[in-house]
Amino acid sequence: MLNRGWFVVRMQFIYRDSQGREIRTRSTGDITLDADRTIDPGEYGVPVGASFRVHASVVAGRDKTSTEIFVYAPNSDYGADFVTTGTTLVNRLVFDGFFLYR
């Protein structure tokens, strides 16, 4: 996740548990302007095989949630790239393709 926005963002993941309830994971630490961070959803509580979306919690701004849905597979060779842009009030969370993780 690369933050190109003029704000601090904390990433979360949203998945459904075995009862179908939507669960939001705890947040990452602060990700500041121009910071690039690789985040493992499993380290934040997403179970193996769970479908999830990426959520950008913008500090003092408008949050964004991805429309793309991923399946958590910790042994995969690929990860999903996201970029945040804009300001606290007008911002975007953009899926920027896949990258080779290993």
PDB file of N, CA and C in Angstrom:
ATOM      1  N   MET A   1       0.841  -1.158   0.000  1.00  0.00           N
ATOM      2  CA  MET A   1       0.000   0.000   0.000  1.00  0.00           C
ATOM      3  C   MET A   1       0.895   1.232   0.000  1.00  0.00           C
ATOM      4  N   LEU A   2       0.655   2.083  -0.986  1.00  0.00           N
ATOM      5  CA  LEU A   2       1.416   3.322  -1.105  1.00  0.00           C
ATOM      6  C   LEU A   2       0.483   4.495  -0.828  1.00  0.00           C
ATOM      7  N   ASN A   3       0.854   5.346   0.109  1.00  0.00           N
ATOM      8  CA  ASN A   3       0.050   6.519   0.410  1.00  0.00           C
ATOM      9  C   ASN A   3       0.621   7.729  -0.326  1.00  0.00           C
ATOM     10  N   ARG A   4      -0.092   8.171  -1.345  1.00  0.00           N
ATOM     11  CA  ARG A   4       0.267   9.380  -2.088  1.00  0.00           C
ATOM     12  C   ARG A   4      -0.657  10.537  -1.693  1.00  0.00           C
ATOM     13  N   GLY A   5      -1.487  10.312  -0.682  1.00  0.00           N
ATOM     14  CA  GLY A   5      -2.434  11.334  -0.251  1.00  0.00           C
ATOM     15  C   GLY A   5      -1.850  12.253   0.804  1.00  0.00           C
ATOM     16  N   TRP A   6      -2.425  13.441   0.881  1.00  0.00           N
ATOM     17  CA  TRP A   6      -2.002  14.436   1.867  1.00  0.00           C
ATOM     18  C   TRP A   6      -2.761  14.205   3.173  1.00  0.00           C
ATOM     19  N   PHE A   7      -2.600  12.998   3.711  1.00  0.00           N
ATOM     20  CA  PHE A   7      -3.268  12.611   4.946  1.00  0.00           C
ATOM     21  C   PHE A   7      -2.560  11.399   5.533  1.00  0.00           C
ATOM     22  N   VAL A   8      -2.913  11.079   6.740  1.00  0.00           N
ATOM     23  CA  VAL A   8      -2.452   9.848   7.384  1.00  0.00           C
ATOM     24  C   VAL A   8      -3.557   8.822   7.206  1.00  0.00           C
ATOM     25  N   VAL A   9      -3.182   7.617   6.836  1.00  0.00           N
ATOM     26  CA  VAL A   9      -4.161   6.555   6.617  1.00  0.00           C
ATOM     27  C   VAL A   9      -3.762   5.328   7.441  1.00  0.00           C
ATOM     28  N   ARG A  10      -4.771   4.601   7.870  1.00  0.00           N
ATOM     29  CA  ARG A  10      -4.568   3.310   8.545  1.00  0.00           C
ATOM     30  C   ARG A  10      -5.386   2.284   7.772  1.00  0.00           C
ATOM     31  N   MET A  11      -4.758   1.187   7.432  1.00  0.00           N
ATOM     32  CA  MET A  11      -5.443   0.173   6.641  1.00  0.00           C
ATOM     33  C   MET A  11      -6.120  -0.852   7.554  1.00  0.00           C
ATOM     34  N   GLN A  12      -7.242  -1.369   7.074  1.00  0.00           N
ATOM     35  CA  GLN A  12      -7.967  -2.439   7.733  1.00  0.00           C
ATOM     36  C   GLN A  12      -8.445  -3.399   6.645  1.00  0.00           C
ATOM     37  N   PHE A  13      -8.928  -4.548   7.073  1.00  0.00           N
ATOM     38  CA  PHE A  13      -9.504  -5.523   6.155  1.00  0.00           C
ATOM     39  C   PHE A  13     -10.901  -5.867   6.644  1.00  0.00           C
ATOM     40  N   ILE A  14     -11.812  -6.072   5.707  1.00  0.00           N
ATOM     41  CA  ILE A  14     -13.196  -6.411   6.041  1.00  0.00           C
ATOM     42  C   ILE A  14     -13.505  -7.776   5.438  1.00  0.00           C
ATOM     43  N   TYR A  15     -13.926  -8.716   6.287  1.00  0.00           N
ATOM     44  CA  TYR A  15     -14.282 -10.059   5.811  1.00  0.00           C
ATOM     45  C   TYR A  15     -15.536 -10.528   6.538  1.00  0.00           C
ATOM     46  N   ARG A  16     -16.088 -11.648   6.101  1.00  0.00           N
ATOM     47  CA  ARG A  16     -17.262 -12.233   6.764  1.00  0.00           C
ATOM     48  C   ARG A  16     -16.832 -13.487   7.514  1.00  0.00           C
ATOM     49  N   ASP A  17     -17.338 -13.627   8.741  1.00  0.00           N
ATOM     50  CA  ASP A  17     -17.013 -14.817   9.527  1.00  0.00           C
ATOM     51  C   ASP A  17     -17.927 -15.977   9.114  1.00  0.00           C
ATOM     52  N   SER A  18     -17.794 -17.107   9.783  1.00  0.00           N
ATOM     53  CA  SER A  18     -18.557 -18.309   9.407  1.00  0.00           C
ATOM     54  C   SER A  18     -20.061 -18.148   9.591  1.00  0.00           C
ATOM     55  N   GLN A  19     -20.500 -17.168  10.375  1.00  0.00           N
ATOM     56  CA  GLN A  19     -21.932 -16.879  10.547  1.00  0.00           C
ATOM     57  C   GLN A  19     -22.412 -15.791   9.586  1.00  0.00           C
ATOM     58  N   GLY A  20     -21.522 -15.329   8.714  1.00  0.00           N
ATOM     59  CA  GLY A  20     -21.892 -14.318   7.732  1.00  0.00           C
ATOM     60  C   GLY A  20     -21.821 -12.883   8.232  1.00  0.00           C
ATOM     61  N   ARG A  21     -21.332 -12.688   9.460  1.00  0.00           N
ATOM     62  CA  ARG A  21     -21.201 -11.338  10.004  1.00  0.00           C
ATOM     63  C   ARG A  21     -19.982 -10.650   9.398  1.00  0.00           C
ATOM     64  N   GLU A  22     -20.134  -9.372   9.092  1.00  0.00           N
ATOM     65  CA  GLU A  22     -19.012  -8.603   8.568  1.00  0.00           C
ATOM     66  C   GLU A  22     -18.083  -8.218   9.714  1.00  0.00           C
ATOM     67  N   ILE A  23     -16.818  -8.543   9.563  1.00  0.00           N
ATOM     68  CA  ILE A  23     -15.806  -8.274  10.587  1.00  0.00           C
ATOM     69  C   ILE A  23     -14.786  -7.300  10.005  1.00  0.00           C
ATOM     70  N   ARG A  24     -14.474  -6.272  10.777  1.00  0.00           N
ATOM     71  CA  ARG A  24     -13.437  -5.320  10.403  1.00  0.00           C
ATOM     72  C   ARG A  24     -12.246  -5.566  11.320  1.00  0.00           C
ATOM     73  N   THR A  25     -11.072  -5.765  10.744  1.00  0.00           N
ATOM     74  CA  THR A  25      -9.880  -6.047  11.541  1.00  0.00           C
ATOM     75  C   THR A  25      -9.388  -4.787  12.239  1.00  0.00           C
ATOM     76  N   ARG A  26      -8.460  -4.976  13.146  1.00  0.00           N
ATOM     77  CA  ARG A  26      -7.817  -3.828  13.770  1.00  0.00           C
ATOM     78  C   ARG A  26      -7.018  -3.079  12.697  1.00  0.00           C
ATOM     79  N   SER A  27      -6.669  -1.859  12.978  1.00  0.00           N
ATOM     80  CA  SER A  27      -5.959  -1.008  12.020  1.00  0.00           C
ATOM     81  C   SER A  27      -4.453  -1.218  12.084  1.00  0.00           C
ATOM     82  N   THR A  28      -3.822  -0.949  10.958  1.00  0.00           N
ATOM     83  CA  THR A  28      -2.366  -0.878  10.939  1.00  0.00           C
ATOM     84  C   THR A  28      -1.965   0.401  11.657  1.00  0.00           C
ATOM     85  N   GLY A  29      -0.713   0.592  11.824  1.00  0.00           N
ATOM     86  CA  GLY A  29      -0.236   1.882  12.326  1.00  0.00           C
ATOM     87  C   GLY A  29      -0.391   2.947  11.255  1.00  0.00           C
ATOM     88  N   ASP A  30      -0.030   4.163  11.604  1.00  0.00           N
ATOM     89  CA  ASP A  30      -0.137   5.278  10.675  1.00  0.00           C
ATOM     90  C   ASP A  30       0.741   5.063   9.443  1.00  0.00           C
ATOM     91  N   ILE A  31       0.163   5.374   8.288  1.00  0.00           N
ATOM     92  CA  ILE A  31       0.912   5.366   7.034  1.00  0.00           C
ATOM     93  C   ILE A  31       0.832   6.793   6.507  1.00  0.00           C
ATOM     94  N   THR A  32       1.978   7.457   6.453  1.00  0.00           N
ATOM     95  CA  THR A  32       2.036   8.877   6.108  1.00  0.00           C
ATOM     96  C   THR A  32       2.308   9.070   4.613  1.00  0.00           C
ATOM     97  N   LEU A  33       2.305  10.321   4.188  1.00  0.00           N
ATOM     98  CA  LEU A  33       2.539  10.684   2.793  1.00  0.00           C
ATOM     99  C   LEU A  33       3.817  10.040   2.267  1.00  0.00           C
ATOM    100  N   ASP A  34       3.712   9.409   1.116  1.00  0.00           N
ATOM    101  CA  ASP A  34       4.802   8.741   0.393  1.00  0.00           C
ATOM    102  C   ASP A  34       5.328   7.475   1.067  1.00  0.00           C
ATOM    103  N   ALA A  35       4.677   7.027   2.132  1.00  0.00           N
ATOM    104  CA  ALA A  35       5.093   5.772   2.763  1.00  0.00           C
ATOM    105  C   ALA A  35       4.523   4.602   1.961  1.00  0.00           C
ATOM    106  N   ASP A  36       5.306   3.551   1.835  1.00  0.00           N
ATOM    107  CA  ASP A  36       4.920   2.344   1.104  1.00  0.00           C
ATOM    108  C   ASP A  36       5.062   1.175   2.061  1.00  0.00           C
ATOM    109  N   ARG A  37       3.988   0.441   2.268  1.00  0.00           N
ATOM    110  CA  ARG A  37       4.018  -0.636   3.248  1.00  0.00           C
ATOM    111  C   ARG A  37       3.374  -1.904   2.689  1.00  0.00           C
ATOM    112  N   THR A  38       4.016  -3.045   2.926  1.00  0.00           N
ATOM    113  CA  THR A  38       3.425  -4.342   2.597  1.00  0.00           C
ATOM    114  C   THR A  38       2.743  -4.858   3.856  1.00  0.00           C
ATOM    115  N   ILE A  39       1.477  -5.202   3.726  1.00  0.00           N
ATOM    116  CA  ILE A  39       0.666  -5.593   4.882  1.00  0.00           C
ATOM    117  C   ILE A  39       0.080  -6.977   4.630  1.00  0.00           C
ATOM    118  N   ASP A  40       0.308  -7.896   5.549  1.00  0.00           N
ATOM    119  CA  ASP A  40      -0.238  -9.254   5.459  1.00  0.00           C
ATOM    120  C   ASP A  40      -1.590  -9.286   6.172  1.00  0.00           C
ATOM    121  N   PRO A  41      -2.692  -9.513   5.442  1.00  0.00           N
ATOM    122  CA  PRO A  41      -4.018  -9.532   6.081  1.00  0.00           C
ATOM    123  C   PRO A  41      -4.126 -10.533   7.231  1.00  0.00           C
ATOM    124  N   GLY A  42      -3.403 -11.642   7.156  1.00  0.00           N
ATOM    125  CA  GLY A  42      -3.436 -12.649   8.212  1.00  0.00           C
ATOM    126  C   GLY A  42      -2.898 -12.132   9.530  1.00  0.00           C
ATOM    127  N   GLU A  43      -1.961 -11.213   9.472  1.00  0.00           N
ATOM    128  CA  GLU A  43      -1.412 -10.626  10.696  1.00  0.00           C
ATOM    129  C   GLU A  43      -2.422  -9.714  11.389  1.00  0.00           C
ATOM    130  N   TYR A  44      -3.492  -9.387  10.687  1.00  0.00           N
ATOM    131  CA  TYR A  44      -4.537  -8.531  11.253  1.00  0.00           C
ATOM    132  C   TYR A  44      -5.840  -9.290  11.481  1.00  0.00           C
ATOM    133  N   GLY A  45      -5.782 -10.620  11.355  1.00  0.00           N
ATOM    134  CA  GLY A  45      -6.922 -11.440  11.728  1.00  0.00           C
ATOM    135  C   GLY A  45      -7.750 -12.028  10.607  1.00  0.00           C
ATOM    136  N   VAL A  46      -7.398 -11.779   9.351  1.00  0.00           N
ATOM    137  CA  VAL A  46      -8.156 -12.378   8.253  1.00  0.00           C
ATOM    138  C   VAL A  46      -7.809 -13.869   8.185  1.00  0.00           C
ATOM    139  N   PRO A  47      -8.812 -14.750   8.300  1.00  0.00           N
ATOM    140  CA  PRO A  47      -8.547 -16.189   8.270  1.00  0.00           C
ATOM    141  C   PRO A  47      -8.160 -16.685   6.869  1.00  0.00           C
ATOM    142  N   VAL A  48      -7.387 -17.732   6.816  1.00  0.00           N
ATOM    143  CA  VAL A  48      -7.012 -18.358   5.548  1.00  0.00           C
ATOM    144  C   VAL A  48      -8.283 -18.754   4.802  1.00  0.00           C
ATOM    145  N   GLY A  49      -8.345 -18.415   3.521  1.00  0.00           N
ATOM    146  CA  GLY A  49      -9.482 -18.756   2.678  1.00  0.00           C
ATOM    147  C   GLY A  49     -10.630 -17.765   2.722  1.00  0.00           C
ATOM    148  N   ALA A  50     -10.552 -16.762   3.608  1.00  0.00           N
ATOM    149  CA  ALA A  50     -11.634 -15.779   3.720  1.00  0.00           C
ATOM    150  C   ALA A  50     -11.576 -14.777   2.571  1.00  0.00           C
ATOM    151  N   SER A  51     -12.744 -14.390   2.084  1.00  0.00           N
ATOM    152  CA  SER A  51     -12.849 -13.306   1.113  1.00  0.00           C
ATOM    153  C   SER A  51     -12.834 -11.992   1.881  1.00  0.00           C
ATOM    154  N   PHE A  52     -12.111 -11.021   1.366  1.00  0.00           N
ATOM    155  CA  PHE A  52     -12.006  -9.756   2.086  1.00  0.00           C
ATOM    156  C   PHE A  52     -11.875  -8.579   1.125  1.00  0.00           C
ATOM    157  N   ARG A  53     -12.145  -7.397   1.664  1.00  0.00           N
ATOM    158  CA  ARG A  53     -11.926  -6.129   0.971  1.00  0.00           C
ATOM    159  C   ARG A  53     -10.941  -5.304   1.781  1.00  0.00           C
ATOM    160  N   VAL A  54     -10.330  -4.348   1.144  1.00  0.00           N
ATOM    161  CA  VAL A  54      -9.368  -3.458   1.792  1.00  0.00           C
ATOM    162  C   VAL A  54     -10.091  -2.167   2.164  1.00  0.00           C
ATOM    163  N   HIS A  55      -9.828  -1.687   3.383  1.00  0.00           N
ATOM    164  CA  HIS A  55     -10.458  -0.454   3.869  1.00  0.00           C
ATOM    165  C   HIS A  55      -9.372   0.523   4.289  1.00  0.00           C
ATOM    166  N   ALA A  56      -9.478   1.755   3.778  1.00  0.00           N
ATOM    167  CA  ALA A  56      -8.548   2.829   4.135  1.00  0.00           C
ATOM    168  C   ALA A  56      -9.249   3.766   5.105  1.00  0.00           C
ATOM    169  N   SER A  57      -8.774   3.786   6.337  1.00  0.00           N
ATOM    170  CA  SER A  57      -9.316   4.677   7.358  1.00  0.00           C
ATOM    171  C   SER A  57      -8.473   5.951   7.346  1.00  0.00           C
ATOM    172  N   VAL A  58      -9.049   7.012   6.795  1.00  0.00           N
ATOM    173  CA  VAL A  58      -8.330   8.276   6.628  1.00  0.00           C
ATOM    174  C   VAL A  58      -8.523   9.109   7.894  1.00  0.00           C
ATOM    175  N   VAL A  59      -7.419   9.433   8.563  1.00  0.00           N
ATOM    176  CA  VAL A  59      -7.482  10.202   9.796  1.00  0.00           C
ATOM    177  C   VAL A  59      -8.048  11.592   9.483  1.00  0.00           C
ATOM    178  N   ALA A  60      -9.112  11.979  10.191  1.00  0.00           N
ATOM    179  CA  ALA A  60      -9.789  13.268  10.018  1.00  0.00           C
ATOM    180  C   ALA A  60     -10.314  13.467   8.597  1.00  0.00           C
ATOM    181  N   GLY A  61     -10.644  12.353   7.930  1.00  0.00           N
ATOM    182  CA  GLY A  61     -11.127  12.463   6.554  1.00  0.00           C
ATOM    183  C   GLY A  61     -12.170  11.405   6.232  1.00  0.00           C
ATOM    184  N   ARG A  62     -12.411  11.226   4.969  1.00  0.00           N
ATOM    185  CA  ARG A  62     -13.410  10.281   4.488  1.00  0.00           C
ATOM    186  C   ARG A  62     -12.755   8.945   4.170  1.00  0.00           C
ATOM    187  N   ASP A  63     -13.252   7.895   4.797  1.00  0.00           N
ATOM    188  CA  ASP A  63     -12.724   6.555   4.593  1.00  0.00           C
ATOM    189  C   ASP A  63     -13.167   6.014   3.237  1.00  0.00           C
ATOM    190  N   LYS A  64     -12.405   5.035   2.741  1.00  0.00           N
ATOM    191  CA  LYS A  64     -12.717   4.383   1.474  1.00  0.00           C
ATOM    192  C   LYS A  64     -12.566   2.877   1.649  1.00  0.00           C
ATOM    193  N   THR A  65     -13.411   2.113   0.958  1.00  0.00           N
ATOM    194  CA  THR A  65     -13.327   0.653   0.950  1.00  0.00           C
ATOM    195  C   THR A  65     -13.251   0.185  -0.497  1.00  0.00           C
ATOM    196  N   SER A  66     -12.372  -0.758  -0.764  1.00  0.00           N
ATOM    197  CA  SER A  66     -12.215  -1.262  -2.128  1.00  0.00           C
ATOM    198  C   SER A  66     -13.482  -1.965  -2.598  1.00  0.00           C
ATOM    199  N   THR A  67     -13.715  -1.933  -3.894  1.00  0.00           N
ATOM    200  CA  THR A  67     -14.806  -2.712  -4.482  1.00  0.00           C
ATOM    201  C   THR A  67     -14.317  -4.113  -4.835  1.00  0.00           C
ATOM    202  N   GLU A  68     -13.005  -4.255  -4.986  1.00  0.00           N
ATOM    203  CA  GLU A  68     -12.415  -5.554  -5.319  1.00  0.00           C
ATOM    204  C   GLU A  68     -12.454  -6.476  -4.099  1.00  0.00           C
ATOM    205  N   ILE A  69     -12.690  -7.748  -4.352  1.00  0.00           N
ATOM    206  CA  ILE A  69     -12.720  -8.750  -3.293  1.00  0.00           C
ATOM    207  C   ILE A  69     -11.589  -9.742  -3.554  1.00  0.00           C
ATOM    208  N   PHE A  70     -10.844 -10.051  -2.507  1.00  0.00           N
ATOM    209  CA  PHE A  70      -9.715 -10.958  -2.598  1.00  0.00           C
ATOM    210  C   PHE A  70      -9.941 -12.140  -1.666  1.00  0.00           C
ATOM    211  N   VAL A  71      -9.213 -13.225  -1.903  1.00  0.00           N
ATOM    212  CA  VAL A  71      -9.247 -14.388  -1.016  1.00  0.00           C
ATOM    213  C   VAL A  71      -7.875 -14.496  -0.375  1.00  0.00           C
ATOM    214  N   TYR A  72      -7.871 -14.591   0.958  1.00  0.00           N
ATOM    215  CA  TYR A  72      -6.590 -14.637   1.658  1.00  0.00           C
ATOM    216  C   TYR A  72      -5.957 -16.018   1.521  1.00  0.00           C
ATOM    217  N   ALA A  73      -4.797 -16.042   0.867  1.00  0.00           N
ATOM    218  CA  ALA A  73      -4.012 -17.264   0.657  1.00  0.00           C
ATOM    219  C   ALA A  73      -2.566 -16.935   1.034  1.00  0.00           C
ATOM    220  N   PRO A  74      -2.168 -17.240   2.278  1.00  0.00           N
ATOM    221  CA  PRO A  74      -0.854 -16.802   2.756  1.00  0.00           C
ATOM    222  C   PRO A  74       0.330 -17.377   1.988  1.00  0.00           C
ATOM    223  N   ASN A  75       0.144 -18.462   1.269  1.00  0.00           N
ATOM    224  CA  ASN A  75       1.253 -19.062   0.524  1.00  0.00           C
ATOM    225  C   ASN A  75       1.303 -18.617  -0.928  1.00  0.00           C
ATOM    226  N   SER A  76       0.488 -17.647  -1.298  1.00  0.00           N
ATOM    227  CA  SER A  76       0.464 -17.136  -2.663  1.00  0.00           C
ATOM    228  C   SER A  76       1.748 -16.385  -2.977  1.00  0.00           C
ATOM    229  N   ASP A  77       2.121 -16.393  -4.227  1.00  0.00           N
ATOM    230  CA  ASP A  77       3.301 -15.642  -4.671  1.00  0.00           C
ATOM    231  C   ASP A  77       2.969 -14.194  -5.009  1.00  0.00           C
ATOM    232  N   TYR A  78       1.685 -13.834  -4.947  1.00  0.00           N
ATOM    233  CA  TYR A  78       1.263 -12.508  -5.372  1.00  0.00           C
ATOM    234  C   TYR A  78       0.556 -11.740  -4.265  1.00  0.00           C
ATOM    235  N   GLY A  79       0.669 -10.433  -4.345  1.00  0.00           N
ATOM    236  CA  GLY A  79      -0.049  -9.536  -3.449  1.00  0.00           C
ATOM    237  C   GLY A  79      -0.783  -8.503  -4.282  1.00  0.00           C
ATOM    238  N   ALA A  80      -1.706  -7.806  -3.657  1.00  0.00           N
ATOM    239  CA  ALA A  80      -2.472  -6.760  -4.328  1.00  0.00           C
ATOM    240  C   ALA A  80      -1.903  -5.400  -3.947  1.00  0.00           C
ATOM    241  N   ASP A  81      -1.704  -4.559  -4.945  1.00  0.00           N
ATOM    242  CA  ASP A  81      -1.171  -3.221  -4.729  1.00  0.00           C
ATOM    243  C   ASP A  81      -2.310  -2.209  -4.669  1.00  0.00           C
ATOM    244  N   PHE A  82      -2.273  -1.327  -3.676  1.00  0.00           N
ATOM    245  CA  PHE A  82      -3.240  -0.244  -3.559  1.00  0.00           C
ATOM    246  C   PHE A  82      -2.497   1.070  -3.391  1.00  0.00           C
ATOM    247  N   VAL A  83      -3.125   2.139  -3.882  1.00  0.00           N
ATOM    248  CA  VAL A  83      -2.576   3.484  -3.738  1.00  0.00           C
ATOM    249  C   VAL A  83      -3.695   4.383  -3.226  1.00  0.00           C
ATOM    250  N   THR A  84      -3.383   5.212  -2.230  1.00  0.00           N
ATOM    251  CA  THR A  84      -4.317   6.242  -1.794  1.00  0.00           C
ATOM    252  C   THR A  84      -3.804   7.580  -2.308  1.00  0.00           C
ATOM    253  N   THR A  85      -4.744   8.437  -2.704  1.00  0.00           N
ATOM    254  CA  THR A  85      -4.393   9.754  -3.231  1.00  0.00           C
ATOM    255  C   THR A  85      -5.389  10.788  -2.732  1.00  0.00           C
ATOM    256  N   GLY A  86      -5.038  12.066  -2.881  1.00  0.00           N
ATOM    257  CA  GLY A  86      -5.965  13.148  -2.591  1.00  0.00           C
ATOM    258  C   GLY A  86      -5.713  13.826  -1.259  1.00  0.00           C
ATOM    259  N   THR A  87      -6.823  14.350  -0.708  1.00  0.00           N
ATOM    260  CA  THR A  87      -6.787  15.054   0.571  1.00  0.00           C
ATOM    261  C   THR A  87      -7.764  14.375   1.528  1.00  0.00           C
ATOM    262  N   THR A  88      -7.880  14.901   2.739  1.00  0.00           N
ATOM    263  CA  THR A  88      -8.776  14.272   3.711  1.00  0.00           C
ATOM    264  C   THR A  88     -10.219  14.245   3.227  1.00  0.00           C
ATOM    265  N   LEU A  89     -10.663  15.271   2.510  1.00  0.00           N
ATOM    266  CA  LEU A  89     -12.063  15.341   2.087  1.00  0.00           C
ATOM    267  C   LEU A  89     -12.329  14.762   0.707  1.00  0.00           C
ATOM    268  N   VAL A  90     -11.347  14.792  -0.165  1.00  0.00           N
ATOM    269  CA  VAL A  90     -11.501  14.240  -1.513  1.00  0.00           C
ATOM    270  C   VAL A  90     -10.330  13.289  -1.740  1.00  0.00           C
ATOM    271  N   ASN A  91     -10.590  12.002  -1.568  1.00  0.00           N
ATOM    272  CA  ASN A  91      -9.507  11.035  -1.684  1.00  0.00           C
ATOM    273  C   ASN A  91      -9.970   9.796  -2.434  1.00  0.00           C
ATOM    274  N   ARG A  92      -9.002   8.964  -2.780  1.00  0.00           N
ATOM    275  CA  ARG A  92      -9.288   7.730  -3.510  1.00  0.00           C
ATOM    276  C   ARG A  92      -8.445   6.594  -2.958  1.00  0.00           C
ATOM    277  N   LEU A  93      -8.993   5.399  -3.047  1.00  0.00           N
ATOM    278  CA  LEU A  93      -8.282   4.151  -2.779  1.00  0.00           C
ATOM    279  C   LEU A  93      -8.356   3.376  -4.076  1.00  0.00           C
ATOM    280  N   VAL A  94      -7.207   3.143  -4.714  1.00  0.00           N
ATOM    281  CA  VAL A  94      -7.183   2.556  -6.053  1.00  0.00           C
ATOM    282  C   VAL A  94      -6.415   1.245  -6.034  1.00  0.00           C
ATOM    283  N   PHE A  95      -7.038   0.185  -6.563  1.00  0.00           N
ATOM    284  CA  PHE A  95      -6.354  -1.082  -6.781  1.00  0.00           C
ATOM    285  C   PHE A  95      -5.417  -0.873  -7.958  1.00  0.00           C
ATOM    286  N   ASP A  96      -4.126  -1.139  -7.759  1.00  0.00           N
ATOM    287  CA  ASP A  96      -3.111  -0.864  -8.765  1.00  0.00           C
ATOM    288  C   ASP A  96      -2.489  -2.137  -9.333  1.00  0.00           C
ATOM    289  N   GLY A  97      -3.232  -3.241  -9.288  1.00  0.00           N
ATOM    290  CA  GLY A  97      -2.753  -4.501  -9.860  1.00  0.00           C
ATOM    291  C   GLY A  97      -2.080  -5.394  -8.832  1.00  0.00           C
ATOM    292  N   PHE A  98      -1.516  -6.458  -9.341  1.00  0.00           N
ATOM    293  CA  PHE A  98      -0.840  -7.444  -8.492  1.00  0.00           C
ATOM    294  C   PHE A  98       0.671  -7.298  -8.614  1.00  0.00           C
ATOM    295  N   PHE A  99       1.375  -7.722  -7.579  1.00  0.00           N
ATOM    296  CA  PHE A  99       2.842  -7.719  -7.626  1.00  0.00           C
ATOM    297  C   PHE A  99       3.344  -9.084  -7.174  1.00  0.00           C
ATOM    298  N   LEU A 100       4.545  -9.454  -7.630  1.00  0.00           N
ATOM    299  CA  LEU A 100       5.174 -10.696  -7.218  1.00  0.00           C
ATOM    300  C   LEU A 100       5.721 -10.508  -5.815  1.00  0.00           C
ATOM    301  N   TYR A 101       5.175 -11.269  -4.884  1.00  0.00           N
ATOM    302  CA  TYR A 101       5.470 -11.089  -3.457  1.00  0.00           C
ATOM    303  C   TYR A 101       6.795 -11.703  -3.041  1.00  0.00           C
ATOM    304  N   ARG A 102       7.129 -12.824  -3.627  1.00  0.00           N
ATOM    305  CA  ARG A 102       8.340 -13.540  -3.211  1.00  0.00           C
ATOM    306  C   ARG A 102       9.361 -13.584  -4.309  1.00  0.00           C
TER     307      ARG A 102
END
